[in-house]
């Protein structure tokens, strides 16, 4: 009897302790620290983007920690490399979620990579916060652990393809696109947008991820008499397509998405890139910007990292800032549930990078679907339109 009572008491004590620990335990949150994870391409085809996002993340994390952290907790940022490979993204997510015990995944770069990693996160109740991709899967279908800031590629082209076709008096709109979910989203948006003005894509040509020669695709579009080309391309493919077109005397209006809105286009492609249009939602920060806050931020970034900032640096910085605003509001008892509850009431006003206002609710997981146009003029991006919504 005594032995049985002793076992029962020990079991009750253990259960009580476990329940107490469970009530207070939140993965990635301790008395002094919040662990944040991110997956970037640091060694693959868009490593330029990944490096810039990472530095933007680091800059805001350092600022917050220098100011005392969030409700007394410092931020610990852990970044893994996917090399832009969905399989490696899964491995990176498993490490971050299961070994590093992250509280939240922020700014994960790439559509296919996010789609592959999200199930790993969601199984452990880890939020996918503001991924750096404009695919609709980042907020659809609805999931309480999804939050997206990037104007979808689909909406960018739904808005801008018919607008540009009308402004330029285009008779034949065509597209070259990456043969994956990213490229297909661009095409779907363009087709839906052009349909509203009674147009169809006269020619569609694709390329495999990693391609470097676009001569056959350009020849097809030139032979079809295309006078506007919608680019479902990123860096190398945008430059390659336009350079090949200039070389062969093919001069349509080129319209890209935010995936092509990067300083690397005009830095690597040179004067041939002048005239390219791209949809975008945050402004590229040049060191001599007219805006004093943006100029100050760009100088601070260059001083810290010894290189010029880019719009992808801005994405990283803004995403940590958005996280910090919501986490601060969630208070000292930071949990996934308390963070979600706060995020579902958040309104982020326009920022120094010119982003549109972003709002979230219990049923709204995309901050904004407004987009505007920029054009490369004299070797730099210049904003040429106001924000437009579908």
Protein backbone atom coordinates (compact mmCIF):
# COMPACT_ATOMS: atom_id res chain seq x y z
CA UNK A 1 0.00 0.00 0.00
CA UNK A 2 2.77 2.40 0.97
CA UNK A 3 4.70 1.60 -2.21
CA UNK A 4 1.58 2.15 -4.36
CA UNK A 5 0.87 5.49 -2.66
CA UNK A 6 4.49 6.54 -3.19
CA UNK A 7 4.33 5.71 -6.92
CA UNK A 8 1.02 7.55 -7.25
CA UNK A 9 2.40 10.64 -5.52
CA UNK A 10 5.52 10.61 -7.70
CA UNK A 11 3.42 10.21 -10.84
CA UNK A 12 1.15 13.07 -9.78
CA UNK A 13 4.15 15.29 -9.07
CA UNK A 14 5.71 14.49 -12.46
CA UNK A 15 2.42 15.15 -14.25
CA UNK A 16 2.01 18.44 -12.40
CA UNK A 17 5.52 19.50 -13.39
CA UNK A 18 4.97 18.50 -17.02
CA UNK A 19 1.70 20.41 -17.16
CA UNK A 20 3.36 23.45 -15.59
CA UNK A 21 6.24 23.31 -18.08
CA UNK A 22 3.83 22.80 -20.98
CA UNK A 23 1.71 25.74 -19.94
CA UNK A 24 4.72 28.05 -20.13
CA UNK A 25 6.86 26.39 -22.80
CA UNK A 26 6.87 28.04 -26.22
CA UNK A 27 9.36 26.82 -28.80
CA UNK A 28 11.91 29.51 -29.64
CA UNK A 29 11.01 31.82 -26.75
CA UNK A 30 12.97 31.94 -23.48
CA UNK A 31 13.25 34.58 -20.76
CA UNK A 32 16.07 36.28 -22.64
CA UNK A 33 15.75 35.28 -26.31
CA UNK A 34 13.51 34.83 -29.34
CA UNK A 35 14.92 32.50 -32.00
CA UNK A 36 14.05 33.44 -35.58
CA UNK A 37 14.81 31.29 -38.63
CA UNK A 38 15.20 32.11 -42.30
CA UNK A 39 16.06 30.13 -45.43
CA UNK A 40 17.86 31.91 -48.28
CA UNK A 41 19.64 31.02 -51.49
CA UNK A 42 23.23 31.72 -50.50
CA UNK A 43 24.98 29.54 -53.10
CA UNK A 44 22.54 28.96 -55.98
CA UNK A 45 21.21 30.86 -59.02
CA UNK A 46 19.65 33.75 -57.04
CA UNK A 47 22.26 33.94 -54.29
CA UNK A 48 22.50 37.67 -55.02
CA UNK A 49 18.97 38.05 -53.71
CA UNK A 50 19.51 35.71 -50.77
CA UNK A 51 22.60 37.53 -49.55
CA UNK A 52 20.81 40.88 -49.72
CA UNK A 53 17.75 39.64 -47.81
CA UNK A 54 20.03 38.17 -45.14
CA UNK A 55 21.91 41.45 -44.65
CA UNK A 56 18.64 43.36 -44.42
CA UNK A 57 17.43 40.93 -41.75
CA UNK A 58 20.70 41.27 -39.85
CA UNK A 59 20.62 45.08 -39.89
CA UNK A 60 17.19 45.31 -38.26
CA UNK A 61 17.94 42.48 -35.80
CA UNK A 62 21.11 44.28 -34.67
CA UNK A 63 19.23 47.58 -34.27
CA UNK A 64 16.54 45.94 -32.15
CA UNK A 65 19.07 44.13 -29.97
CA UNK A 66 21.06 47.34 -29.47
CA UNK A 67 17.84 48.96 -28.23
CA UNK A 68 17.22 46.20 -25.67
CA UNK A 69 15.31 43.66 -27.72
CA UNK A 70 11.56 42.96 -27.69
CA UNK A 71 9.97 43.10 -24.24
CA UNK A 72 13.40 42.34 -22.74
CA UNK A 73 14.25 39.49 -25.13
CA UNK A 74 17.09 39.69 -27.66
CA UNK A 75 16.58 38.29 -31.15
CA UNK A 76 18.70 35.38 -32.37
CA UNK A 77 18.66 35.00 -36.16
CA UNK A 78 19.59 31.62 -37.69
CA UNK A 79 19.89 31.53 -41.50
CA UNK A 80 20.20 28.35 -43.60
CA UNK A 81 21.08 27.95 -47.29
CA UNK A 82 18.67 26.24 -49.71
CA UNK A 83 20.76 26.90 -52.85
CA UNK A 84 17.29 27.55 -54.42
CA UNK A 85 16.60 23.80 -54.25
CA UNK A 86 13.24 22.70 -52.74
CA UNK A 87 14.78 19.49 -51.36
CA UNK A 88 17.49 21.44 -49.56
CA UNK A 89 14.82 23.85 -48.31
CA UNK A 90 13.06 20.94 -46.61
CA UNK A 91 16.31 19.86 -44.92
CA UNK A 92 16.96 23.45 -43.85
CA UNK A 93 13.43 23.75 -42.42
CA UNK A 94 13.83 20.48 -40.52
CA UNK A 95 17.07 21.74 -38.94
CA UNK A 96 15.62 25.13 -38.02
CA UNK A 97 12.38 23.73 -36.62
CA UNK A 98 13.66 20.60 -34.87
CA UNK A 99 17.25 21.46 -33.87
CA UNK A 100 17.36 25.24 -33.57
CA UNK A 101 13.80 25.27 -32.23
CA UNK A 102 12.84 28.51 -34.00
CA UNK A 103 9.78 30.46 -32.94
CA UNK A 104 9.01 31.73 -36.45
CA UNK A 105 10.24 31.42 -40.06
CA UNK A 106 10.79 34.81 -41.69
CA UNK A 107 11.53 35.99 -45.24
CA UNK A 108 12.04 32.50 -46.75
CA UNK A 109 13.13 33.07 -50.37
CA UNK A 110 11.53 31.20 -53.29
CA UNK A 111 8.13 29.83 -54.29
CA UNK A 112 8.89 26.12 -54.66
CA UNK A 113 11.14 26.29 -51.61
CA UNK A 114 8.39 27.70 -49.39
CA UNK A 115 5.84 25.21 -50.67
CA UNK A 116 8.21 22.37 -49.80
CA UNK A 117 9.13 23.70 -46.34
CA UNK A 118 5.78 24.89 -45.00
CA UNK A 119 4.45 21.39 -44.06
CA UNK A 120 7.55 20.86 -41.88
CA UNK A 121 6.87 24.14 -40.08
CA UNK A 122 3.13 23.77 -39.70
CA UNK A 123 3.50 20.34 -38.13
CA UNK A 124 5.35 22.09 -35.27
CA UNK A 125 3.10 25.18 -35.16
CA UNK A 126 5.77 27.46 -36.68
CA UNK A 127 4.46 30.50 -38.59
CA UNK A 128 5.60 31.21 -42.16
CA UNK A 129 6.04 34.99 -41.91
CA UNK A 130 6.32 37.24 -44.99
CA UNK A 131 8.14 34.91 -47.43
CA UNK A 132 10.11 36.63 -50.19
CA UNK A 133 8.03 35.36 -53.07
CA UNK A 134 4.92 36.79 -54.69
CA UNK A 135 3.15 33.47 -55.27
CA UNK A 136 -0.48 33.16 -54.18
CA UNK A 137 0.30 29.93 -52.30
CA UNK A 138 1.92 32.11 -49.63
CA UNK A 139 -1.56 33.03 -48.41
CA UNK A 140 -3.86 30.61 -50.29
CA UNK A 141 -5.40 28.31 -49.35
CA UNK A 142 -6.00 29.97 -46.00
CA UNK A 143 -3.88 28.74 -43.10
CA UNK A 144 -3.66 30.45 -39.73
CA UNK A 145 0.16 30.21 -39.84
CA UNK A 146 0.56 31.98 -43.21
CA UNK A 147 1.26 35.72 -43.55
CA UNK A 148 2.33 37.32 -46.84
CA UNK A 149 3.43 40.84 -47.80
CA UNK A 150 4.38 40.50 -51.47
CA UNK A 151 1.91 41.59 -54.15
CA UNK A 152 1.22 38.35 -56.08
CA UNK A 153 2.83 37.92 -59.50
CA UNK A 154 -0.65 37.08 -60.74
CA UNK A 155 -2.07 40.42 -59.54
CA UNK A 156 0.96 42.36 -60.81
CA UNK A 157 0.30 41.18 -64.36
CA UNK A 158 -3.50 41.22 -63.99
CA UNK A 159 -3.13 44.97 -63.38
CA UNK A 160 -0.12 45.98 -65.47
CA UNK A 161 -0.34 43.81 -68.61
CA UNK A 162 -3.59 45.39 -69.91
CA UNK A 163 -2.56 48.85 -68.73
CA UNK A 164 0.76 48.72 -70.61
CA UNK A 165 -0.84 47.15 -73.69
CA UNK A 166 -3.31 50.05 -73.89
CA UNK A 167 -0.71 52.76 -73.16
CA UNK A 168 1.73 51.40 -75.77
CA UNK A 169 -0.93 50.50 -78.32
CA UNK A 170 0.33 46.93 -78.41
CA UNK A 171 -1.17 44.66 -81.04
CA UNK A 172 0.63 41.41 -80.14
CA UNK A 173 1.52 40.62 -76.55
CA UNK A 174 3.78 37.64 -75.94
CA UNK A 175 5.56 36.05 -73.01
CA UNK A 176 8.78 34.25 -72.12
CA UNK A 177 8.61 32.51 -68.76
CA UNK A 178 10.43 30.15 -66.43
CA UNK A 179 8.88 26.69 -66.71
CA UNK A 180 7.81 26.37 -63.08
CA UNK A 181 5.15 27.68 -60.70
CA UNK A 182 6.68 31.15 -60.62
CA UNK A 183 6.62 31.55 -64.40
CA UNK A 184 3.16 30.04 -64.73
CA UNK A 185 1.74 32.52 -62.21
CA UNK A 186 3.05 35.38 -64.35
CA UNK A 187 1.44 33.87 -67.45
CA UNK A 188 -1.89 33.26 -65.70
CA UNK A 189 -2.02 36.85 -64.49
CA UNK A 190 -1.12 38.23 -67.90
CA UNK A 191 -3.75 36.09 -69.64
CA UNK A 192 -6.45 37.15 -67.17
CA UNK A 193 -5.48 40.82 -67.47
CA UNK A 194 -5.30 40.88 -71.27
CA UNK A 195 -8.65 39.13 -71.48
CA UNK A 196 -10.25 42.22 -69.89
CA UNK A 197 -9.28 44.26 -72.96
CA UNK A 198 -10.05 41.55 -75.50
CA UNK A 199 -6.45 40.42 -76.06
CA UNK A 200 -4.69 37.07 -75.87
CA UNK A 201 -1.02 36.13 -75.72
CA UNK A 202 0.07 35.71 -79.33
CA UNK A 203 3.15 33.64 -78.43
CA UNK A 204 4.20 31.78 -75.30
CA UNK A 205 7.72 30.43 -74.95
CA UNK A 206 9.42 29.00 -71.88
CA UNK A 207 12.84 27.97 -70.57
CA UNK A 208 14.07 25.59 -67.89
CA UNK A 209 15.39 26.97 -64.61
CA UNK A 210 19.13 27.58 -64.98
CA UNK A 211 19.03 28.20 -68.76
CA UNK A 212 21.57 30.65 -70.21
CA UNK A 213 20.75 30.75 -73.93
CA UNK A 214 17.51 32.46 -74.99
CA UNK A 215 18.17 32.88 -78.71
CA UNK A 216 15.51 30.41 -79.85
CA UNK A 217 12.85 31.95 -77.61
CA UNK A 218 13.66 35.47 -78.82
CA UNK A 219 13.61 34.30 -82.44
CA UNK A 220 10.12 32.83 -81.94
CA UNK A 221 8.76 36.05 -80.45
CA UNK A 222 10.37 38.16 -83.14
CA UNK A 223 8.95 35.93 -85.89
CA UNK A 224 5.50 36.24 -84.30
CA UNK A 225 5.71 40.04 -84.54
CA UNK A 226 5.38 40.62 -80.78
CA UNK A 227 5.40 44.28 -79.80
CA UNK A 228 5.06 43.68 -76.03
CA UNK A 229 6.83 40.93 -74.10
CA UNK A 230 5.80 39.93 -70.58
CA UNK A 231 8.76 38.55 -68.68
CA UNK A 232 8.25 35.64 -66.28
CA UNK A 233 11.99 35.89 -65.67
CA UNK A 234 14.36 36.69 -62.79
CA UNK A 235 17.93 38.09 -63.14
CA UNK A 236 20.02 36.21 -65.67
CA UNK A 237 17.03 35.38 -67.90
CA UNK A 238 15.79 38.97 -67.98
CA UNK A 239 19.22 40.23 -68.98
CA UNK A 240 19.74 37.39 -71.48
CA UNK A 241 16.37 37.88 -73.17
CA UNK A 242 16.69 41.65 -73.52
CA UNK A 243 20.35 41.53 -74.59
CA UNK A 244 19.57 38.93 -77.28
CA UNK A 245 16.61 41.00 -78.47
CA UNK A 246 18.68 44.19 -78.78
CA UNK A 247 21.35 42.26 -80.67
CA UNK A 248 18.84 41.01 -83.23
CA UNK A 249 17.00 44.31 -83.66
CA UNK A 250 13.89 43.10 -81.80
CA UNK A 251 12.54 46.05 -79.78
CA UNK A 252 9.20 45.34 -78.07
CA UNK A 253 8.04 46.87 -74.79
CA UNK A 254 9.44 44.65 -72.02
CA UNK A 255 7.35 44.27 -68.87
CA UNK A 256 8.65 42.27 -65.89
CA UNK A 257 7.44 41.49 -62.39
CA UNK A 258 8.95 42.32 -59.00
CA UNK A 259 11.22 39.28 -59.55
CA UNK A 260 13.08 41.37 -62.14
CA UNK A 261 12.99 44.56 -60.06
CA UNK A 262 16.59 44.56 -58.88
CA UNK A 263 19.66 46.75 -59.36
CA UNK A 264 21.47 43.65 -60.67
CA UNK A 265 19.57 44.03 -63.96
CA UNK A 266 21.11 47.38 -64.87
CA UNK A 267 24.42 46.69 -63.11
CA UNK A 268 25.04 43.44 -64.99
CA UNK A 269 23.10 44.15 -68.19
CA UNK A 270 24.33 47.68 -68.82
CA UNK A 271 22.70 50.27 -71.11
CA UNK A 272 20.78 47.58 -73.05
CA UNK A 273 18.45 47.29 -70.05
CA UNK A 274 17.24 50.89 -70.34
CA UNK A 275 13.50 50.99 -71.03
CA UNK A 276 12.59 47.84 -69.08
CA UNK A 277 9.40 48.18 -67.02
CA UNK A 278 8.69 46.18 -63.86
CA UNK A 279 5.86 45.98 -61.38
CA UNK A 280 6.97 46.53 -57.79
CA UNK A 281 5.76 47.22 -54.26
CA UNK A 282 8.84 48.62 -52.47
CA UNK A 283 11.37 51.08 -53.80
CA UNK A 284 15.02 50.33 -54.59
CA UNK A 285 17.14 52.41 -52.16
CA UNK A 286 19.87 54.41 -53.89
CA UNK A 287 22.47 56.21 -51.76
CA UNK A 288 21.56 59.61 -53.24
CA UNK A 289 17.79 59.30 -52.77
CA UNK A 290 15.87 62.55 -52.36
CA UNK A 291 14.14 61.10 -49.27
CA UNK A 292 16.30 61.86 -46.23
CA UNK A 293 15.16 58.83 -44.16
CA UNK A 294 15.85 56.47 -47.08
CA UNK A 295 19.21 58.12 -47.83
CA UNK A 296 20.20 57.83 -44.14
CA UNK A 297 19.17 54.16 -44.05
CA UNK A 298 21.10 53.37 -47.25
CA UNK A 299 24.24 55.05 -45.86
CA UNK A 300 23.93 53.12 -42.60
CA UNK A 301 23.60 49.85 -44.52
CA UNK A 302 26.66 50.63 -46.68
CA UNK A 303 28.73 51.58 -43.63
CA UNK A 304 27.86 48.30 -41.89
CA UNK A 305 28.24 45.89 -44.82
CA UNK A 306 30.51 47.81 -47.21
CA UNK A 307 28.13 47.46 -50.14
CA UNK A 308 25.13 49.31 -51.53
CA UNK A 309 21.69 48.19 -50.33
CA UNK A 310 19.05 46.86 -52.70
CA UNK A 311 15.30 46.37 -52.67
CA UNK A 312 15.92 42.84 -51.37
CA UNK A 313 17.88 44.34 -48.47
CA UNK A 314 14.81 46.48 -47.84
CA UNK A 315 12.56 43.38 -47.85
CA UNK A 316 14.67 41.73 -45.14
CA UNK A 317 14.74 44.88 -43.02
CA UNK A 318 11.00 45.52 -43.33
CA UNK A 319 10.04 41.92 -42.52
CA UNK A 320 11.97 41.95 -39.22
CA UNK A 321 10.47 45.35 -38.46
CA UNK A 322 6.94 44.01 -39.04
CA UNK A 323 7.67 41.01 -36.84
CA UNK A 324 9.03 43.28 -34.09
CA UNK A 325 5.96 45.51 -34.15
CA UNK A 326 3.59 42.56 -33.75
CA UNK A 327 5.76 40.71 -31.21
CA UNK A 328 6.06 43.85 -29.08
CA UNK A 329 2.30 44.25 -29.12
CA UNK A 330 1.86 40.57 -28.14
CA UNK A 331 3.53 41.41 -24.82
CA UNK A 332 5.73 39.47 -22.44
CA UNK A 333 3.77 36.23 -22.89
CA UNK A 334 4.83 35.68 -26.51
CA UNK A 335 3.37 32.49 -27.99
CA UNK A 336 2.30 31.44 -31.47
CA UNK A 337 -1.32 32.01 -30.44
CA UNK A 338 -0.71 35.45 -28.94
CA UNK A 339 1.30 36.50 -32.00
CA UNK A 340 -1.42 35.33 -34.42
CA UNK A 341 -4.07 37.13 -32.37
CA UNK A 342 -2.14 40.40 -32.64
CA UNK A 343 -1.24 39.96 -36.32
CA UNK A 344 -4.92 39.56 -37.12
CA UNK A 345 -5.44 43.18 -36.02
CA UNK A 346 -2.27 44.73 -37.47
CA UNK A 347 -2.15 47.68 -39.84
CA UNK A 348 1.29 48.63 -41.16
CA UNK A 349 1.34 52.18 -42.63
CA UNK A 350 3.36 53.14 -45.75
CA UNK A 351 7.08 53.08 -44.94
CA UNK A 352 10.21 54.90 -46.10
CA UNK A 353 10.58 52.44 -48.99
CA UNK A 354 7.22 53.56 -50.40
CA UNK A 355 5.35 50.33 -49.66
CA UNK A 356 1.56 50.52 -49.68
CA UNK A 357 -0.36 50.17 -46.42
CA UNK A 358 -0.65 46.53 -45.32
CA UNK A 359 -3.53 45.19 -43.22
CA UNK A 360 -4.30 41.76 -41.82
CA UNK A 361 -7.35 40.14 -40.24
CA UNK A 362 -8.54 36.69 -39.09
CA UNK A 363 -9.51 36.00 -42.71
CA UNK A 364 -6.96 38.18 -44.61
CA UNK A 365 -3.43 36.84 -44.89
CA UNK A 366 -2.09 39.10 -47.70
CA UNK A 367 -1.13 42.58 -46.54
CA UNK A 368 -1.78 44.38 -49.84
CA UNK A 369 -2.34 43.57 -53.51
CA UNK A 370 -1.57 47.08 -54.76
CA UNK A 371 1.32 47.46 -57.21
CA UNK A 372 2.99 50.25 -59.20
CA UNK A 373 5.45 50.55 -62.08
CA UNK A 374 9.13 51.44 -62.28
CA UNK A 375 11.30 51.77 -65.38
CA UNK A 376 15.05 51.63 -65.91
CA UNK A 377 16.07 55.07 -67.17
CA UNK A 378 19.71 56.13 -67.52
CA UNK A 379 20.84 53.02 -65.66
CA UNK A 380 18.61 53.19 -62.58
CA UNK A 381 15.06 52.35 -61.53
CA UNK A 382 12.61 55.25 -61.43
CA UNK A 383 9.06 55.00 -60.07
CA UNK A 384 6.64 56.08 -62.82
CA UNK A 385 3.15 55.32 -61.46
CA UNK A 386 0.96 55.44 -58.39
CA UNK A 387 -0.31 52.28 -56.69
CA UNK A 388 -3.12 50.41 -58.44
CA UNK A 389 -5.28 47.56 -57.13
CA UNK A 390 -7.02 44.87 -59.17
